[in-house]
PDB file of N, CA and C in Angstrom:
ATOM      1  N   UNK A   1      88.417 114.433  93.575  1.00  0.00           N
ATOM      2  CA  UNK A   1      88.520 114.490  95.005  1.00  0.00           C
ATOM      3  C   UNK A   1      88.144 115.887  95.494  1.00  0.00           C
ATOM      4  N   UNK A   2      88.593 116.901  94.800  1.00  0.00           N
ATOM      5  CA  UNK A   2      88.272 118.273  95.191  1.00  0.00           C
ATOM      6  C   UNK A   2      86.772 118.511  95.081  1.00  0.00           C
ATOM      7  N   UNK A   3      86.160 118.019  94.010  1.00  0.00           N
ATOM      8  CA  UNK A   3      84.715 118.198  93.826  1.00  0.00           C
ATOM      9  C   UNK A   3      83.941 117.524  94.955  1.00  0.00           C
ATOM     10  N   UNK A   4      84.358 116.314  95.346  1.00  0.00           N
ATOM     11  CA  UNK A   4      83.689 115.608  96.438  1.00  0.00           C
ATOM     12  C   UNK A   4      83.833 116.379  97.749  1.00  0.00           C
ATOM     13  N   UNK A   5      85.006 116.908  97.985  1.00  0.00           N
ATOM     14  CA  UNK A   5      85.252 117.663  99.211  1.00  0.00           C
ATOM     15  C   UNK A   5      84.412 118.934  99.236  1.00  0.00           C
ATOM     16  N   UNK A   6      84.345 119.614  98.127  1.00  0.00           N
ATOM     17  CA  UNK A   6      83.537 120.837  98.055  1.00  0.00           C
ATOM     18  C   UNK A   6      82.060 120.525  98.265  1.00  0.00           C
ATOM     19  N   UNK A   7      81.607 119.378  97.768  1.00  0.00           N
ATOM     20  CA  UNK A   7      80.203 119.001  97.921  1.00  0.00           C
ATOM     21  C   UNK A   7      79.846 118.771  99.393  1.00  0.00           C
ATOM     22  N   UNK A   8      80.820 118.297 100.190  1.00  0.00           N
ATOM     23  CA  UNK A   8      80.578 118.092 101.620  1.00  0.00           C
ATOM     24  C   UNK A   8      80.544 119.402 102.381  1.00  0.00           C
ATOM     25  N   UNK A   9      81.108 120.432 101.823  1.00  0.00           N
ATOM     26  CA  UNK A   9      81.137 121.726 102.492  1.00  0.00           C
ATOM     27  C   UNK A   9      82.511 122.007 103.082  1.00  0.00           C
ATOM     28  N   UNK A  10      82.662 123.193 103.577  1.00  0.00           N
ATOM     29  CA  UNK A  10      83.929 123.628 104.139  1.00  0.00           C
ATOM     30  C   UNK A  10      84.188 122.940 105.471  1.00  0.00           C
ATOM     31  N   UNK A  11      85.383 122.428 105.620  1.00  0.00           N
ATOM     32  CA  UNK A  11      85.759 121.799 106.883  1.00  0.00           C
ATOM     33  C   UNK A  11      85.976 122.886 107.932  1.00  0.00           C
ATOM     34  N   UNK A  12      85.490 122.618 109.118  1.00  0.00           N
ATOM     35  CA  UNK A  12      85.674 123.559 110.214  1.00  0.00           C
ATOM     36  C   UNK A  12      86.842 123.077 111.061  1.00  0.00           C
ATOM     37  N   UNK A  13      87.985 123.706 110.856  1.00  0.00           N
ATOM     38  CA  UNK A  13      89.193 123.323 111.572  1.00  0.00           C
ATOM     39  C   UNK A  13      89.388 124.269 112.740  1.00  0.00           C
ATOM     40  N   UNK A  14      89.723 123.702 113.878  1.00  0.00           N
ATOM     41  CA  UNK A  14      90.029 124.541 115.034  1.00  0.00           C
ATOM     42  C   UNK A  14      91.404 125.164 114.820  1.00  0.00           C
ATOM     43  N   UNK A  15      91.676 126.191 115.578  1.00  0.00           N
ATOM     44  CA  UNK A  15      92.977 126.858 115.470  1.00  0.00           C
ATOM     45  C   UNK A  15      94.109 125.886 115.822  1.00  0.00           C
ATOM     46  N   UNK A  16      93.870 125.009 116.803  1.00  0.00           N
ATOM     47  CA  UNK A  16      94.878 124.021 117.201  1.00  0.00           C
ATOM     48  C   UNK A  16      95.154 123.032 116.076  1.00  0.00           C
ATOM     49  N   UNK A  17      94.093 122.599 115.377  1.00  0.00           N
ATOM     50  CA  UNK A  17      94.263 121.667 114.261  1.00  0.00           C
ATOM     51  C   UNK A  17      95.044 122.313 113.127  1.00  0.00           C
ATOM     52  N   UNK A  18      94.781 123.585 112.880  1.00  0.00           N
ATOM     53  CA  UNK A  18      95.527 124.286 111.832  1.00  0.00           C
ATOM     54  C   UNK A  18      97.006 124.354 112.173  1.00  0.00           C
ATOM     55  N   UNK A  19      97.306 124.649 113.443  1.00  0.00           N
ATOM     56  CA  UNK A  19      98.704 124.720 113.876  1.00  0.00           C
ATOM     57  C   UNK A  19      99.370 123.357 113.774  1.00  0.00           C
ATOM     58  N   UNK A  20      98.659 122.312 114.221  1.00  0.00           N
ATOM     59  CA  UNK A  20      99.225 120.972 114.169  1.00  0.00           C
ATOM     60  C   UNK A  20      99.477 120.548 112.733  1.00  0.00           C
ATOM     61  N   UNK A  21      98.561 120.841 111.848  1.00  0.00           N
ATOM     62  CA  UNK A  21      98.726 120.480 110.445  1.00  0.00           C
ATOM     63  C   UNK A  21      99.948 121.176 109.850  1.00  0.00           C
ATOM     64  N   UNK A  22     100.153 122.434 110.194  1.00  0.00           N
ATOM     65  CA  UNK A  22     101.318 123.167 109.698  1.00  0.00           C
ATOM     66  C   UNK A  22     102.620 122.551 110.215  1.00  0.00           C
ATOM     67  N   UNK A  23     102.627 122.153 111.477  1.00  0.00           N
ATOM     68  CA  UNK A  23     103.821 121.537 112.058  1.00  0.00           C
ATOM     69  C   UNK A  23     104.100 120.182 111.402  1.00  0.00           C
ATOM     70  N   UNK A  24     103.043 119.392 111.210  1.00  0.00           N
ATOM     71  CA  UNK A  24     103.201 118.085 110.564  1.00  0.00           C
ATOM     72  C   UNK A  24     103.716 118.264 109.140  1.00  0.00           C
ATOM     73  N   UNK A  25     103.220 119.268 108.435  1.00  0.00           N
ATOM     74  CA  UNK A  25     103.679 119.524 107.066  1.00  0.00           C
ATOM     75  C   UNK A  25     105.165 119.854 107.032  1.00  0.00           C
ATOM     76  N   UNK A  26     105.623 120.652 107.984  1.00  0.00           N
ATOM     77  CA  UNK A  26     107.044 120.998 108.038  1.00  0.00           C
ATOM     78  C   UNK A  26     107.891 119.768 108.328  1.00  0.00           C
ATOM     79  N   UNK A  27     107.415 118.930 109.249  1.00  0.00           N
ATOM     80  CA  UNK A  27     108.149 117.703 109.569  1.00  0.00           C
ATOM     81  C   UNK A  27     108.173 116.776 108.365  1.00  0.00           C
ATOM     82  N   UNK A  28     107.060 116.695 107.659  1.00  0.00           N
ATOM     83  CA  UNK A  28     106.975 115.808 106.506  1.00  0.00           C
ATOM     84  C   UNK A  28     107.954 116.218 105.409  1.00  0.00           C
ATOM     85  N   UNK A  29     108.120 117.500 105.203  1.00  0.00           N
ATOM     86  CA  UNK A  29     109.067 117.968 104.178  1.00  0.00           C
ATOM     87  C   UNK A  29     110.458 117.390 104.450  1.00  0.00           C
ATOM     88  N   UNK A  30     110.821 117.309 105.724  1.00  0.00           N
ATOM     89  CA  UNK A  30     112.126 116.772 106.093  1.00  0.00           C
ATOM     90  C   UNK A  30     112.169 115.247 106.046  1.00  0.00           C
ATOM     91  N   UNK A  31     111.050 114.599 106.391  1.00  0.00           N
ATOM     92  CA  UNK A  31     111.032 113.146 106.535  1.00  0.00           C
ATOM     93  C   UNK A  31     110.558 112.389 105.291  1.00  0.00           C
ATOM     94  N   UNK A  32     109.897 113.054 104.367  1.00  0.00           N
ATOM     95  CA  UNK A  32     109.371 112.389 103.172  1.00  0.00           C
ATOM     96  C   UNK A  32     110.446 111.647 102.380  1.00  0.00           C
ATOM     97  N   UNK A  33     111.629 112.224 102.208  1.00  0.00           N
ATOM     98  CA  UNK A  33     112.658 111.484 101.462  1.00  0.00           C
ATOM     99  C   UNK A  33     113.054 110.160 102.124  1.00  0.00           C
ATOM    100  N   UNK A  34     112.715 110.006 103.388  1.00  0.00           N
ATOM    101  CA  UNK A  34     113.023 108.780 104.126  1.00  0.00           C
ATOM    102  C   UNK A  34     111.860 107.795 104.117  1.00  0.00           C
ATOM    103  N   UNK A  35     110.790 108.154 103.414  1.00  0.00           N
ATOM    104  CA  UNK A  35     109.630 107.270 103.287  1.00  0.00           C
ATOM    105  C   UNK A  35     108.549 107.471 104.326  1.00  0.00           C
ATOM    106  N   UNK A  36     108.665 108.509 105.138  1.00  0.00           N
ATOM    107  CA  UNK A  36     107.668 108.770 106.180  1.00  0.00           C
ATOM    108  C   UNK A  36     106.493 109.538 105.562  1.00  0.00           C
ATOM    109  N   UNK A  37     105.282 109.076 105.858  1.00  0.00           N
ATOM    110  CA  UNK A  37     104.077 109.717 105.344  1.00  0.00           C
ATOM    111  C   UNK A  37     103.482 110.645 106.403  1.00  0.00           C
ATOM    112  N   UNK A  38     102.651 111.587 105.966  1.00  0.00           N
ATOM    113  CA  UNK A  38     102.019 112.512 106.910  1.00  0.00           C
ATOM    114  C   UNK A  38     101.158 111.772 107.917  1.00  0.00           C
ATOM    115  N   UNK A  39     100.493 110.707 107.494  1.00  0.00           N
ATOM    116  CA  UNK A  39      99.661 109.929 108.418  1.00  0.00           C
ATOM    117  C   UNK A  39     100.510 109.320 109.529  1.00  0.00           C
ATOM    118  N   UNK A  40     101.738 108.908 109.207  1.00  0.00           N
ATOM    119  CA  UNK A  40     102.645 108.360 110.220  1.00  0.00           C
ATOM    120  C   UNK A  40     102.975 109.413 111.266  1.00  0.00           C
ATOM    121  N   UNK A  41     103.251 110.613 110.812  1.00  0.00           N
ATOM    122  CA  UNK A  41     103.607 111.700 111.728  1.00  0.00           C
ATOM    123  C   UNK A  41     102.415 112.063 112.599  1.00  0.00           C
ATOM    124  N   UNK A  42     101.252 112.145 111.994  1.00  0.00           N
ATOM    125  CA  UNK A  42     100.049 112.506 112.764  1.00  0.00           C
ATOM    126  C   UNK A  42      99.763 111.460 113.837  1.00  0.00           C
ATOM    127  N   UNK A  43      99.900 110.172 113.484  1.00  0.00           N
ATOM    128  CA  UNK A  43      99.695 109.105 114.475  1.00  0.00           C
ATOM    129  C   UNK A  43     100.670 109.255 115.636  1.00  0.00           C
ATOM    130  N   UNK A  44     101.914 109.567 115.328  1.00  0.00           N
ATOM    131  CA  UNK A  44     102.926 109.754 116.363  1.00  0.00           C
ATOM    132  C   UNK A  44     102.561 110.920 117.277  1.00  0.00           C
ATOM    133  N   UNK A  45     102.112 112.013 116.692  1.00  0.00           N
ATOM    134  CA  UNK A  45     101.729 113.197 117.470  1.00  0.00           C
ATOM    135  C   UNK A  45     100.526 112.870 118.362  1.00  0.00           C
ATOM    136  N   UNK A  46      99.514 112.231 117.787  1.00  0.00           N
ATOM    137  CA  UNK A  46      98.318 111.899 118.564  1.00  0.00           C
ATOM    138  C   UNK A  46      98.654 110.948 119.712  1.00  0.00           C
ATOM    139  N   UNK A  47      99.532 109.975 119.456  1.00  0.00           N
ATOM    140  CA  UNK A  47      99.947 109.049 120.507  1.00  0.00           C
ATOM    141  C   UNK A  47     100.693 109.800 121.608  1.00  0.00           C
ATOM    142  N   UNK A  48     101.563 110.719 121.224  1.00  0.00           N
ATOM    143  CA  UNK A  48     102.311 111.495 122.208  1.00  0.00           C
ATOM    144  C   UNK A  48     101.381 112.340 123.077  1.00  0.00           C
ATOM    145  N   UNK A  49     100.358 112.920 122.468  1.00  0.00           N
ATOM    146  CA  UNK A  49      99.391 113.734 123.219  1.00  0.00           C
ATOM    147  C   UNK A  49      98.629 112.866 124.201  1.00  0.00           C
ATOM    148  N   UNK A  50      98.156 111.696 123.723  1.00  0.00           N
ATOM    149  CA  UNK A  50      97.423 110.777 124.622  1.00  0.00           C
ATOM    150  C   UNK A  50      98.297 110.344 125.792  1.00  0.00           C
ATOM    151  N   UNK A  51      99.547 110.011 125.514  1.00  0.00           N
ATOM    152  CA  UNK A  51     100.450 109.520 126.567  1.00  0.00           C
ATOM    153  C   UNK A  51     100.909 110.615 127.511  1.00  0.00           C
ATOM    154  N   UNK A  52     100.788 111.860 127.103  1.00  0.00           N
ATOM    155  CA  UNK A  52     101.202 112.960 127.958  1.00  0.00           C
ATOM    156  C   UNK A  52     100.317 113.069 129.194  1.00  0.00           C
ATOM    157  N   UNK A  53      99.110 112.540 129.117  1.00  0.00           N
ATOM    158  CA  UNK A  53      98.160 112.631 130.216  1.00  0.00           C
ATOM    159  C   UNK A  53      98.181 111.413 131.110  1.00  0.00           C
ATOM    160  N   UNK A  54      99.084 110.490 130.882  1.00  0.00           N
ATOM    161  CA  UNK A  54      99.162 109.264 131.703  1.00  0.00           C
ATOM    162  C   UNK A  54     100.066 109.479 132.885  1.00  0.00           C
TER     163      UNK A  54
END
């Protein structure tokens, strides 16, 4: 997986994405024992952001 990722090149992450990823990682450390995956947290965050503009 690492070799495939390196072959695609370096990902260009915005500063906001880096911050969000760090926050999701911290939340996951607390929620992982309960069966919550990082993808679940990210979906929740993205939904909250979308709904904030409604």
